[in-house]
PDB file of N, CA and C in Angstrom:
ATOM      1  N   MET A   1     243.171  85.888 118.161  1.00  0.00           N
ATOM      2  CA  MET A   1     244.427  86.628 118.110  1.00  0.00           C
ATOM      3  C   MET A   1     244.261  87.989 118.799  1.00  0.00           C
ATOM      4  N   TYR A   2     245.249  88.339 119.575  1.00  0.00           N
ATOM      5  CA  TYR A   2     245.293  89.636 120.245  1.00  0.00           C
ATOM      6  C   TYR A   2     246.306  90.531 119.530  1.00  0.00           C
ATOM      7  N   HIS A   3     246.064  91.815 119.576  1.00  0.00           N
ATOM      8  CA  HIS A   3     247.004  92.789 119.024  1.00  0.00           C
ATOM      9  C   HIS A   3     247.807  93.347 120.197  1.00  0.00           C
ATOM     10  N   VAL A   4     249.122  93.357 120.092  1.00  0.00           N
ATOM     11  CA  VAL A   4     249.985  93.833 121.177  1.00  0.00           C
ATOM     12  C   VAL A   4     250.402  95.268 120.890  1.00  0.00           C
ATOM     13  N   ARG A   5     250.185  96.133 121.872  1.00  0.00           N
ATOM     14  CA  ARG A   5     250.592  97.542 121.766  1.00  0.00           C
ATOM     15  C   ARG A   5     251.560  97.848 122.901  1.00  0.00           C
ATOM     16  N   ILE A   6     252.624  98.539 122.567  1.00  0.00           N
ATOM     17  CA  ILE A   6     253.618  98.911 123.574  1.00  0.00           C
ATOM     18  C   ILE A   6     253.496 100.401 123.848  1.00  0.00           C
ATOM     19  N   ILE A   7     253.198 100.750 125.098  1.00  0.00           N
ATOM     20  CA  ILE A   7     253.061 102.143 125.531  1.00  0.00           C
ATOM     21  C   ILE A   7     254.452 102.803 125.458  1.00  0.00           C
ATOM     22  N   PRO A   8     254.553 104.107 125.164  1.00  0.00           N
ATOM     23  CA  PRO A   8     255.867 104.757 125.017  1.00  0.00           C
ATOM     24  C   PRO A   8     256.826 104.553 126.193  1.00  0.00           C
ATOM     25  N   SER A   9     256.328 104.549 127.421  1.00  0.00           N
ATOM     26  CA  SER A   9     257.223 104.332 128.566  1.00  0.00           C
ATOM     27  C   SER A   9     257.838 102.937 128.519  1.00  0.00           C
ATOM     28  N   ALA A  10     257.061 101.949 128.117  1.00  0.00           N
ATOM     29  CA  ALA A  10     257.585 100.593 127.986  1.00  0.00           C
ATOM     30  C   ALA A  10     258.550 100.492 126.810  1.00  0.00           C
ATOM     31  N   GLN A  11     258.275 101.252 125.751  1.00  0.00           N
ATOM     32  CA  GLN A  11     259.181 101.270 124.594  1.00  0.00           C
ATOM     33  C   GLN A  11     260.552 101.802 125.003  1.00  0.00           C
ATOM     34  N   ARG A  12     260.557 102.859 125.829  1.00  0.00           N
ATOM     35  CA  ARG A  12     261.837 103.398 126.319  1.00  0.00           C
ATOM     36  C   ARG A  12     262.564 102.367 127.175  1.00  0.00           C
ATOM     37  N   ASP A  13     261.822 101.647 128.024  1.00  0.00           N
ATOM     38  CA  ASP A  13     262.432 100.604 128.850  1.00  0.00           C
ATOM     39  C   ASP A  13     263.059  99.521 127.990  1.00  0.00           C
ATOM     40  N   LEU A  14     262.369  99.142 126.926  1.00  0.00           N
ATOM     41  CA  LEU A  14     262.871  98.104 126.026  1.00  0.00           C
ATOM     42  C   LEU A  14     264.122  98.570 125.292  1.00  0.00           C
ATOM     43  N   ILE A  15     264.149  99.830 124.879  1.00  0.00           N
ATOM     44  CA  ILE A  15     265.324 100.369 124.187  1.00  0.00           C
ATOM     45  C   ILE A  15     266.531 100.400 125.132  1.00  0.00           C
ATOM     46  N   LYS A  16     266.305 100.796 126.391  1.00  0.00           N
ATOM     47  CA  LYS A  16     267.397 100.806 127.367  1.00  0.00           C
ATOM     48  C   LYS A  16     267.960  99.410 127.568  1.00  0.00           C
ATOM     49  N   LEU A  17     267.078  98.423 127.661  1.00  0.00           N
ATOM     50  CA  LEU A  17     267.530  97.046 127.843  1.00  0.00           C
ATOM     51  C   LEU A  17     268.272  96.552 126.610  1.00  0.00           C
ATOM     52  N   LYS A  18     267.813  96.918 125.434  1.00  0.00           N
ATOM     53  CA  LYS A  18     268.468  96.489 124.192  1.00  0.00           C
ATOM     54  C   LYS A  18     269.891  97.040 124.097  1.00  0.00           C
ATOM     55  N   LYS A  19     270.111  98.253 124.616  1.00  0.00           N
ATOM     56  CA  LYS A  19     271.442  98.846 124.580  1.00  0.00           C
ATOM     57  C   LYS A  19     272.430  98.097 125.461  1.00  0.00           C
ATOM     58  N   GLN A  20     271.927  97.342 126.438  1.00  0.00           N
ATOM     59  CA  GLN A  20     272.774  96.589 127.359  1.00  0.00           C
ATOM     60  C   GLN A  20     272.939  95.148 126.888  1.00  0.00           C
ATOM     61  N   THR A  21     273.036  94.926 125.590  1.00  0.00           N
ATOM     62  CA  THR A  21     273.054  93.571 125.051  1.00  0.00           C
ATOM     63  C   THR A  21     274.414  92.899 125.226  1.00  0.00           C
ATOM     64  N   LYS A  22     274.769  92.664 126.468  1.00  0.00           N
ATOM     65  CA  LYS A  22     275.994  91.921 126.765  1.00  0.00           C
ATOM     66  C   LYS A  22     275.650  90.818 127.748  1.00  0.00           C
ATOM     67  N   GLY A  23     276.063  89.612 127.451  1.00  0.00           N
ATOM     68  CA  GLY A  23     275.890  88.501 128.360  1.00  0.00           C
ATOM     69  C   GLY A  23     274.448  88.224 128.726  1.00  0.00           C
ATOM     70  N   GLU A  24     274.163  88.284 130.022  1.00  0.00           N
ATOM     71  CA  GLU A  24     272.846  87.948 130.553  1.00  0.00           C
ATOM     72  C   GLU A  24     271.749  88.849 129.994  1.00  0.00           C
ATOM     73  N   TYR A  25     272.047  90.137 129.790  1.00  0.00           N
ATOM     74  CA  TYR A  25     271.027  91.068 129.306  1.00  0.00           C
ATOM     75  C   TYR A  25     270.553  90.721 127.906  1.00  0.00           C
ATOM     76  N   ALA A  26     271.423  90.182 127.076  1.00  0.00           N
ATOM     77  CA  ALA A  26     271.017  89.776 125.731  1.00  0.00           C
ATOM     78  C   ALA A  26     270.000  88.642 125.805  1.00  0.00           C
ATOM     79  N   LYS A  27     270.212  87.703 126.734  1.00  0.00           N
ATOM     80  CA  LYS A  27     269.268  86.602 126.911  1.00  0.00           C
ATOM     81  C   LYS A  27     267.934  87.108 127.446  1.00  0.00           C
ATOM     82  N   ILE A  28     267.976  88.034 128.395  1.00  0.00           N
ATOM     83  CA  ILE A  28     266.753  88.592 128.974  1.00  0.00           C
ATOM     84  C   ILE A  28     265.976  89.356 127.906  1.00  0.00           C
ATOM     85  N   TYR A  29     266.672  90.157 127.115  1.00  0.00           N
ATOM     86  CA  TYR A  29     266.032  90.913 126.033  1.00  0.00           C
ATOM     87  C   TYR A  29     265.347  89.958 125.057  1.00  0.00           C
ATOM     88  N   GLN A  30     266.016  88.884 124.703  1.00  0.00           N
ATOM     89  CA  GLN A  30     265.448  87.909 123.772  1.00  0.00           C
ATOM     90  C   GLN A  30     264.216  87.242 124.381  1.00  0.00           C
ATOM     91  N   ARG A  31     264.271  86.890 125.669  1.00  0.00           N
ATOM     92  CA  ARG A  31     263.124  86.265 126.330  1.00  0.00           C
ATOM     93  C   ARG A  31     261.933  87.219 126.399  1.00  0.00           C
ATOM     94  N   ILE A  32     262.197  88.502 126.667  1.00  0.00           N
ATOM     95  CA  ILE A  32     261.113  89.487 126.713  1.00  0.00           C
ATOM     96  C   ILE A  32     260.456  89.609 125.339  1.00  0.00           C
ATOM     97  N   LYS A  33     261.259  89.646 124.278  1.00  0.00           N
ATOM     98  CA  LYS A  33     260.706  89.709 122.924  1.00  0.00           C
ATOM     99  C   LYS A  33     259.820  88.502 122.632  1.00  0.00           C
ATOM    100  N   GLU A  34     260.276  87.310 123.036  1.00  0.00           N
ATOM    101  CA  GLU A  34     259.501  86.100 122.804  1.00  0.00           C
ATOM    102  C   GLU A  34     258.175  86.135 123.568  1.00  0.00           C
ATOM    103  N   ILE A  35     258.208  86.627 124.804  1.00  0.00           N
ATOM    104  CA  ILE A  35     256.983  86.712 125.601  1.00  0.00           C
ATOM    105  C   ILE A  35     256.010  87.698 124.980  1.00  0.00           C
ATOM    106  N   ILE A  36     256.516  88.850 124.549  1.00  0.00           N
ATOM    107  CA  ILE A  36     255.645  89.853 123.921  1.00  0.00           C
ATOM    108  C   ILE A  36     254.993  89.273 122.669  1.00  0.00           C
ATOM    109  N   LEU A  37     255.737  88.546 121.861  1.00  0.00           N
ATOM    110  CA  LEU A  37     255.166  87.932 120.661  1.00  0.00           C
ATOM    111  C   LEU A  37     254.146  86.855 121.016  1.00  0.00           C
ATOM    112  N   SER A  38     254.362  86.149 122.125  1.00  0.00           N
ATOM    113  CA  SER A  38     253.438  85.090 122.519  1.00  0.00           C
ATOM    114  C   SER A  38     252.103  85.647 123.020  1.00  0.00           C
ATOM    115  N   PHE A  39     252.081  86.925 123.440  1.00  0.00           N
ATOM    116  CA  PHE A  39     250.836  87.545 123.888  1.00  0.00           C
ATOM    117  C   PHE A  39     249.786  87.583 122.780  1.00  0.00           C
ATOM    118  N   GLU A  40     250.209  87.533 121.518  1.00  0.00           N
ATOM    119  CA  GLU A  40     249.257  87.553 120.406  1.00  0.00           C
ATOM    120  C   GLU A  40     248.325  86.343 120.448  1.00  0.00           C
ATOM    121  N   THR A  41     248.830  85.207 120.874  1.00  0.00           N
ATOM    122  CA  THR A  41     248.013  84.001 120.928  1.00  0.00           C
ATOM    123  C   THR A  41     247.530  83.675 122.338  1.00  0.00           C
ATOM    124  N   ASN A  42     248.322  84.025 123.361  1.00  0.00           N
ATOM    125  CA  ASN A  42     247.963  83.702 124.733  1.00  0.00           C
ATOM    126  C   ASN A  42     248.367  84.855 125.645  1.00  0.00           C
ATOM    127  N   PRO A  43     247.442  85.755 126.003  1.00  0.00           N
ATOM    128  CA  PRO A  43     247.804  86.898 126.836  1.00  0.00           C
ATOM    129  C   PRO A  43     248.034  86.544 128.305  1.00  0.00           C
ATOM    130  N   LEU A  44     247.724  85.312 128.698  1.00  0.00           N
ATOM    131  CA  LEU A  44     247.954  84.881 130.076  1.00  0.00           C
ATOM    132  C   LEU A  44     248.826  83.621 130.102  1.00  0.00           C
ATOM    133  N   PRO A  45     250.109  83.761 129.739  1.00  0.00           N
ATOM    134  CA  PRO A  45     250.978  82.591 129.721  1.00  0.00           C
ATOM    135  C   PRO A  45     251.288  82.117 131.139  1.00  0.00           C
ATOM    136  N   TYR A  46     251.879  80.949 131.228  1.00  0.00           N
ATOM    137  CA  TYR A  46     252.282  80.405 132.515  1.00  0.00           C
ATOM    138  C   TYR A  46     253.245  81.386 133.194  1.00  0.00           C
ATOM    139  N   GLY A  47     253.010  81.666 134.462  1.00  0.00           N
ATOM    140  CA  GLY A  47     253.864  82.581 135.211  1.00  0.00           C
ATOM    141  C   GLY A  47     253.301  83.974 135.345  1.00  0.00           C
ATOM    142  N   SER A  48     252.252  84.298 134.598  1.00  0.00           N
ATOM    143  CA  SER A  48     251.666  85.636 134.717  1.00  0.00           C
ATOM    144  C   SER A  48     250.802  85.678 135.975  1.00  0.00           C
ATOM    145  N   GLU A  49     250.816  86.822 136.642  1.00  0.00           N
ATOM    146  CA  GLU A  49     250.048  86.997 137.871  1.00  0.00           C
ATOM    147  C   GLU A  49     249.242  88.280 137.784  1.00  0.00           C
ATOM    148  N   LYS A  50     248.030  88.230 138.314  1.00  0.00           N
ATOM    149  CA  LYS A  50     247.172  89.407 138.346  1.00  0.00           C
ATOM    150  C   LYS A  50     247.632  90.321 139.468  1.00  0.00           C
ATOM    151  N   LEU A  51     247.769  91.606 139.172  1.00  0.00           N
ATOM    152  CA  LEU A  51     248.145  92.590 140.179  1.00  0.00           C
ATOM    153  C   LEU A  51     246.885  93.076 140.889  1.00  0.00           C
ATOM    154  N   THR A  52     246.940  93.163 142.199  1.00  0.00           N
ATOM    155  CA  THR A  52     245.748  93.555 142.943  1.00  0.00           C
ATOM    156  C   THR A  52     245.663  95.062 143.121  1.00  0.00           C
ATOM    157  N   ALA A  53     246.731  95.702 143.528  1.00  0.00           N
ATOM    158  CA  ALA A  53     246.687  97.134 143.829  1.00  0.00           C
ATOM    159  C   ALA A  53     246.587  97.988 142.562  1.00  0.00           C
ATOM    160  N   ARG A  54     247.309  97.633 141.550  1.00  0.00           N
ATOM    161  CA  ARG A  54     247.396  98.459 140.352  1.00  0.00           C
ATOM    162  C   ARG A  54     246.426  98.033 139.262  1.00  0.00           C
ATOM    163  N   GLY A  55     246.097  96.794 139.221  1.00  0.00           N
ATOM    164  CA  GLY A  55     245.314  96.266 138.113  1.00  0.00           C
ATOM    165  C   GLY A  55     246.256  95.818 137.004  1.00  0.00           C
ATOM    166  N   GLY A  56     245.803  94.947 136.162  1.00  0.00           N
ATOM    167  CA  GLY A  56     246.658  94.425 135.106  1.00  0.00           C
ATOM    168  C   GLY A  56     247.363  93.157 135.558  1.00  0.00           C
ATOM    169  N   TYR A  57     248.425  92.814 134.840  1.00  0.00           N
ATOM    170  CA  TYR A  57     249.159  91.582 135.094  1.00  0.00           C
ATOM    171  C   TYR A  57     250.652  91.851 135.064  1.00  0.00           C
ATOM    172  N   ARG A  58     251.393  90.888 135.588  1.00  0.00           N
ATOM    173  CA  ARG A  58     252.846  90.966 135.495  1.00  0.00           C
ATOM    174  C   ARG A  58     253.393  89.582 135.254  1.00  0.00           C
ATOM    175  N   ILE A  59     254.550  89.562 134.618  1.00  0.00           N
ATOM    176  CA  ILE A  59     255.256  88.309 134.409  1.00  0.00           C
ATOM    177  C   ILE A  59     256.735  88.568 134.666  1.00  0.00           C
ATOM    178  N   ARG A  60     257.380  87.629 135.321  1.00  0.00           N
ATOM    179  CA  ARG A  60     258.807  87.748 135.622  1.00  0.00           C
ATOM    180  C   ARG A  60     259.644  87.275 134.441  1.00  0.00           C
ATOM    181  N   VAL A  61     260.713  88.016 134.188  1.00  0.00           N
ATOM    182  CA  VAL A  61     261.701  87.619 133.186  1.00  0.00           C
ATOM    183  C   VAL A  61     263.055  87.900 133.822  1.00  0.00           C
ATOM    184  N   GLY A  62     263.593  86.919 134.518  1.00  0.00           N
ATOM    185  CA  GLY A  62     264.836  87.131 135.262  1.00  0.00           C
ATOM    186  C   GLY A  62     264.618  88.201 136.316  1.00  0.00           C
ATOM    187  N   PRO A  63     265.509  89.193 136.397  1.00  0.00           N
ATOM    188  CA  PRO A  63     265.336  90.254 137.394  1.00  0.00           C
ATOM    189  C   PRO A  63     264.352  91.338 136.942  1.00  0.00           C
ATOM    190  N   TYR A  64     263.780  91.195 135.757  1.00  0.00           N
ATOM    191  CA  TYR A  64     262.852  92.190 135.212  1.00  0.00           C
ATOM    192  C   TYR A  64     261.410  91.763 135.413  1.00  0.00           C
ATOM    193  N   ARG A  65     260.533  92.768 135.446  1.00  0.00           N
ATOM    194  CA  ARG A  65     259.099  92.538 135.527  1.00  0.00           C
ATOM    195  C   ARG A  65     258.447  93.209 134.323  1.00  0.00           C
ATOM    196  N   LEU A  66     257.624  92.464 133.634  1.00  0.00           N
ATOM    197  CA  LEU A  66     256.898  92.965 132.478  1.00  0.00           C
ATOM    198  C   LEU A  66     255.462  93.188 132.934  1.00  0.00           C
ATOM    199  N   LEU A  67     255.037  94.455 132.982  1.00  0.00           N
ATOM    200  CA  LEU A  67     253.698  94.813 133.433  1.00  0.00           C
ATOM    201  C   LEU A  67     252.822  95.086 132.216  1.00  0.00           C
ATOM    202  N   TYR A  68     251.632  94.499 132.205  1.00  0.00           N
ATOM    203  CA  TYR A  68     250.757  94.674 131.046  1.00  0.00           C
ATOM    204  C   TYR A  68     249.294  94.607 131.447  1.00  0.00           C
ATOM    205  N   GLN A  69     248.447  95.085 130.553  1.00  0.00           N
ATOM    206  CA  GLN A  69     247.004  95.063 130.756  1.00  0.00           C
ATOM    207  C   GLN A  69     246.349  94.439 129.528  1.00  0.00           C
ATOM    208  N   ILE A  70     245.191  93.830 129.758  1.00  0.00           N
ATOM    209  CA  ILE A  70     244.477  93.154 128.676  1.00  0.00           C
ATOM    210  C   ILE A  70     243.116  93.806 128.496  1.00  0.00           C
ATOM    211  N   ASP A  71     242.798  94.160 127.257  1.00  0.00           N
ATOM    212  CA  ASP A  71     241.466  94.635 126.907  1.00  0.00           C
ATOM    213  C   ASP A  71     240.813  93.503 126.113  1.00  0.00           C
ATOM    214  N   LYS A  72     239.980  92.715 126.802  1.00  0.00           N
ATOM    215  CA  LYS A  72     239.409  91.521 126.170  1.00  0.00           C
ATOM    216  C   LYS A  72     238.400  91.857 125.081  1.00  0.00           C
ATOM    217  N   LYS A  73     237.651  92.955 125.253  1.00  0.00           N
ATOM    218  CA  LYS A  73     236.672  93.320 124.222  1.00  0.00           C
ATOM    219  C   LYS A  73     237.353  93.718 122.920  1.00  0.00           C
ATOM    220  N   ALA A  74     238.388  94.551 123.014  1.00  0.00           N
ATOM    221  CA  ALA A  74     239.113  94.996 121.818  1.00  0.00           C
ATOM    222  C   ALA A  74     240.168  93.975 121.390  1.00  0.00           C
ATOM    223  N   ARG A  75     240.384  92.944 122.224  1.00  0.00           N
ATOM    224  CA  ARG A  75     241.391  91.907 121.983  1.00  0.00           C
ATOM    225  C   ARG A  75     242.770  92.535 121.787  1.00  0.00           C
ATOM    226  N   GLU A  76     243.143  93.376 122.763  1.00  0.00           N
ATOM    227  CA  GLU A  76     244.454  94.032 122.733  1.00  0.00           C
ATOM    228  C   GLU A  76     245.170  93.826 124.063  1.00  0.00           C
ATOM    229  N   VAL A  77     246.483  93.738 123.970  1.00  0.00           N
ATOM    230  CA  VAL A  77     247.350  93.655 125.144  1.00  0.00           C
ATOM    231  C   VAL A  77     248.225  94.895 125.128  1.00  0.00           C
ATOM    232  N   TYR A  78     248.214  95.637 126.235  1.00  0.00           N
ATOM    233  CA  TYR A  78     249.021  96.855 126.356  1.00  0.00           C
ATOM    234  C   TYR A  78     250.202  96.579 127.273  1.00  0.00           C
ATOM    235  N   ILE A  79     251.408  96.694 126.741  1.00  0.00           N
ATOM    236  CA  ILE A  79     252.613  96.556 127.554  1.00  0.00           C
ATOM    237  C   ILE A  79     252.831  97.908 128.215  1.00  0.00           C
ATOM    238  N   VAL A  80     252.814  97.943 129.552  1.00  0.00           N
ATOM    239  CA  VAL A  80     252.870  99.196 130.291  1.00  0.00           C
ATOM    240  C   VAL A  80     254.289  99.533 130.730  1.00  0.00           C
ATOM    241  N   ARG A  81     255.004  98.596 131.326  1.00  0.00           N
ATOM    242  CA  ARG A  81     256.378  98.858 131.794  1.00  0.00           C
ATOM    243  C   ARG A  81     257.197  97.590 131.713  1.00  0.00           C
ATOM    244  N   MET A  82     258.513  97.755 131.625  1.00  0.00           N
ATOM    245  CA  MET A  82     259.482  96.682 131.737  1.00  0.00           C
ATOM    246  C   MET A  82     260.595  97.222 132.612  1.00  0.00           C
ATOM    247  N   LYS A  83     260.581  96.856 133.865  1.00  0.00           N
ATOM    248  CA  LYS A  83     261.548  97.418 134.802  1.00  0.00           C
ATOM    249  C   LYS A  83     262.236  96.312 135.570  1.00  0.00           C
ATOM    250  N   ARG A  84     263.428  96.628 135.999  1.00  0.00           N
ATOM    251  CA  ARG A  84     264.147  95.752 136.899  1.00  0.00           C
ATOM    252  C   ARG A  84     263.409  95.754 138.229  1.00  0.00           C
ATOM    253  N   ARG A  85     263.370  94.648 138.916  1.00  0.00           N
ATOM    254  CA  ARG A  85     262.603  94.519 140.158  1.00  0.00           C
ATOM    255  C   ARG A  85     263.166  95.466 141.222  1.00  0.00           C
ATOM    256  N   GLU A  86     262.383  96.477 141.556  1.00  0.00           N
ATOM    257  CA  GLU A  86     262.714  97.435 142.598  1.00  0.00           C
ATOM    258  C   GLU A  86     261.422  97.820 143.292  1.00  0.00           C
ATOM    259  N   LYS A  87     261.518  98.590 144.345  1.00  0.00           N
ATOM    260  CA  LYS A  87     260.320  98.993 145.086  1.00  0.00           C
ATOM    261  C   LYS A  87     259.386  99.851 144.237  1.00  0.00           C
ATOM    262  N   ASN A  88     259.921 100.701 143.367  1.00  0.00           N
ATOM    263  CA  ASN A  88     259.079 101.623 142.613  1.00  0.00           C
ATOM    264  C   ASN A  88     258.580 101.045 141.281  1.00  0.00           C
ATOM    265  N   THR A  89     258.844  99.786 140.986  1.00  0.00           N
ATOM    266  CA  THR A  89     258.407  99.191 139.729  1.00  0.00           C
ATOM    267  C   THR A  89     256.902  99.177 139.614  1.00  0.00           C
ATOM    268  N   TYR A  90     256.207  98.902 140.705  1.00  0.00           N
ATOM    269  CA  TYR A  90     254.759  98.718 140.654  1.00  0.00           C
ATOM    270  C   TYR A  90     253.987 100.010 140.910  1.00  0.00           C
ATOM    271  N   LYS A  91     254.650 101.125 141.049  1.00  0.00           N
ATOM    272  CA  LYS A  91     253.964 102.395 141.309  1.00  0.00           C
ATOM    273  C   LYS A  91     253.669 103.127 140.027  1.00  0.00           C
TER     274      LYS A  91
END
């Protein structure tokens, strides 16, 4: 089992997305929550990709990207950002 920690910047991103709970955004928010909970048992689910320039991993959730890092020794997953796909998402 891994322990999932959400960094404050990612927490703010999640709160912003939660406030937009209309139509498609409600489904995306729910899918992101499910993925975050699944990290406890499997930190590398299907669809996750290793980032080369920044380090860590990313997974697509509709138009959003969930960026995270894994500390295998401490068995922790750090959620770093949740942003809509734009040029500055990976910076």
